[in-house]
Protein backbone atom coordinates (compact mmCIF):
# COMPACT_ATOMS: atom_id res chain seq x y z
CA MET A 1 -0.05 -0.05 0.00
CA LYS A 2 1.24 3.52 -0.85
CA PHE A 3 0.27 6.78 0.73
CA LYS A 4 0.29 10.24 -0.61
CA MET A 5 -0.69 13.34 1.42
CA ARG A 6 -2.02 16.58 0.01
CA GLN A 7 -4.02 19.59 1.41
CA SER A 8 -7.21 21.08 0.10
CA SER A 9 -8.86 24.20 1.81
CA GLY A 10 -7.60 23.17 5.14
CA VAL A 11 -8.24 19.50 4.87
CA THR A 12 -5.75 16.71 4.54
CA ILE A 13 -6.37 14.24 1.86
CA LEU A 14 -4.67 10.90 2.05
CA ASP A 15 -4.52 9.13 -1.30
CA ILE A 16 -4.11 5.44 -0.71
CA SER A 17 -3.33 2.91 -3.39
CA GLY A 18 -2.96 -0.86 -3.37
CA LYS A 19 -4.51 -3.26 -0.80
CA LEU A 20 -5.45 -2.05 2.72
CA MET A 21 -4.59 -5.06 4.68
CA GLY A 22 -2.51 -4.15 7.71
CA GLY A 23 1.02 -5.19 8.61
CA ALA A 24 3.57 -2.43 8.52
CA ASP A 25 0.98 -0.37 6.61
CA ALA A 26 -1.15 -0.16 9.69
CA ASP A 27 1.65 1.34 11.67
CA HIS A 28 2.45 3.84 9.05
CA PHE A 29 -1.12 4.94 8.76
CA ARG A 30 -1.33 5.22 12.64
CA ASP A 31 1.78 7.32 12.69
CA MET A 32 0.65 9.57 10.00
CA ILE A 33 -2.63 10.28 11.85
CA HIS A 34 -0.70 11.08 15.14
CA CYS A 35 1.69 13.39 13.16
CA LEU A 36 -1.24 15.21 11.62
CA ILE A 37 -2.79 15.70 15.07
CA GLU A 38 0.48 17.00 16.45
CA ASP A 39 0.52 19.46 13.63
CA GLY A 40 -3.10 20.57 14.39
CA GLU A 41 -4.40 18.92 11.26
CA THR A 42 -7.45 17.04 12.33
CA LYS A 43 -9.72 17.27 9.23
CA VAL A 44 -8.82 14.13 7.21
CA ILE A 45 -10.20 12.45 4.11
CA VAL A 46 -9.18 9.13 3.02
CA ASN A 47 -9.26 8.75 -0.79
CA LEU A 48 -9.76 4.98 -1.49
CA ALA A 49 -10.04 5.40 -5.43
CA ASP A 50 -6.99 3.26 -5.97
CA VAL A 51 -7.66 0.73 -3.20
CA LYS A 52 -8.93 -2.48 -4.75
CA TRP A 53 -9.31 -4.55 -1.58
CA VAL A 54 -9.73 -4.13 2.20
CA ASN A 55 -9.76 -6.89 4.57
CA SER A 56 -10.74 -6.87 8.29
CA THR A 57 -7.31 -5.49 9.37
CA GLY A 58 -7.64 -2.80 6.72
CA VAL A 59 -11.09 -1.89 8.17
CA GLY A 60 -9.49 -1.74 11.63
CA ILE A 61 -6.83 0.69 10.29
CA LEU A 62 -9.75 3.05 9.15
CA ILE A 63 -11.50 2.61 12.43
CA THR A 64 -8.42 3.42 14.48
CA GLY A 65 -7.81 6.49 12.42
CA TYR A 66 -11.42 7.63 12.88
CA THR A 67 -11.48 7.16 16.62
CA THR A 68 -8.01 8.73 17.10
CA LEU A 69 -9.20 11.82 15.26
CA ARG A 70 -12.57 12.01 16.96
CA LYS A 71 -10.91 11.88 20.35
CA ASN A 72 -8.79 14.90 19.25
CA LYS A 73 -11.89 16.89 18.09
CA GLY A 74 -11.38 15.93 14.48
CA ASP A 75 -12.84 13.71 11.79
CA LEU A 76 -11.95 11.18 9.15
CA LYS A 77 -14.29 10.82 6.07
CA LEU A 78 -13.97 8.40 3.13
CA LEU A 79 -13.82 9.38 -0.58
CA ASN A 80 -14.24 7.27 -3.68
CA VAL A 81 -15.35 4.04 -1.89
CA SER A 82 -15.72 1.20 -4.41
CA ASN A 83 -18.84 -0.95 -4.43
CA LYS A 84 -16.77 -3.72 -3.06
CA ILE A 85 -15.57 -1.83 -0.06
CA ARG A 86 -18.92 -0.17 0.35
CA SER A 87 -20.47 -3.55 0.81
CA VAL A 88 -17.84 -4.43 3.51
CA LEU A 89 -18.86 -1.20 5.30
CA TYR A 90 -22.57 -2.01 4.97
CA VAL A 91 -22.18 -5.63 6.29
CA THR A 92 -20.25 -4.37 9.32
CA LYS A 93 -22.60 -1.50 9.81
CA LEU A 94 -19.65 0.83 9.57
CA ASN A 95 -21.48 2.73 6.88
CA LEU A 96 -23.46 4.25 9.84
CA ILE A 97 -20.11 5.51 11.17
CA PHE A 98 -18.18 6.70 8.17
CA GLU A 99 -19.32 9.55 5.97
CA CYS A 100 -18.65 8.47 2.41
CA TYR A 101 -18.29 10.74 -0.57
CA ASP A 102 -17.92 10.34 -4.42
CA ASN A 103 -16.95 13.97 -5.07
CA GLU A 104 -13.84 15.46 -3.50
CA ASN A 105 -15.22 19.08 -3.32
CA GLU A 106 -18.21 17.79 -1.45
CA ALA A 107 -16.04 15.83 0.93
CA VAL A 108 -13.83 18.84 1.47
CA ASN A 109 -16.90 21.25 1.94
CA SER A 110 -18.54 18.79 4.43
CA PHE A 111 -16.00 20.06 7.04
CA SER A 112 -17.29 23.62 6.88
């Protein structure tokens, strides 16, 4: 899994590509979230456009990021969630937790 970080209107967008499956990637994602919080960046969008698969550990990575940000008065939202990943969120009822967007501008503006 690869990460690319960028900013848009005061919101951090994490573009992820590959498979979201845990391992060392989980540690890297957690560390990125903590660094963002330390820098005062608590509005985060995870762009899943180039993620083809998420396993249970990958879902756990997203949940950990979400709860860490929420505890620090922030939020994590999802962008470009594929139908496959959306079905995983639905089955696990996480679709009730995560705000999902198909349009980046809408996702960024949702923090206003």
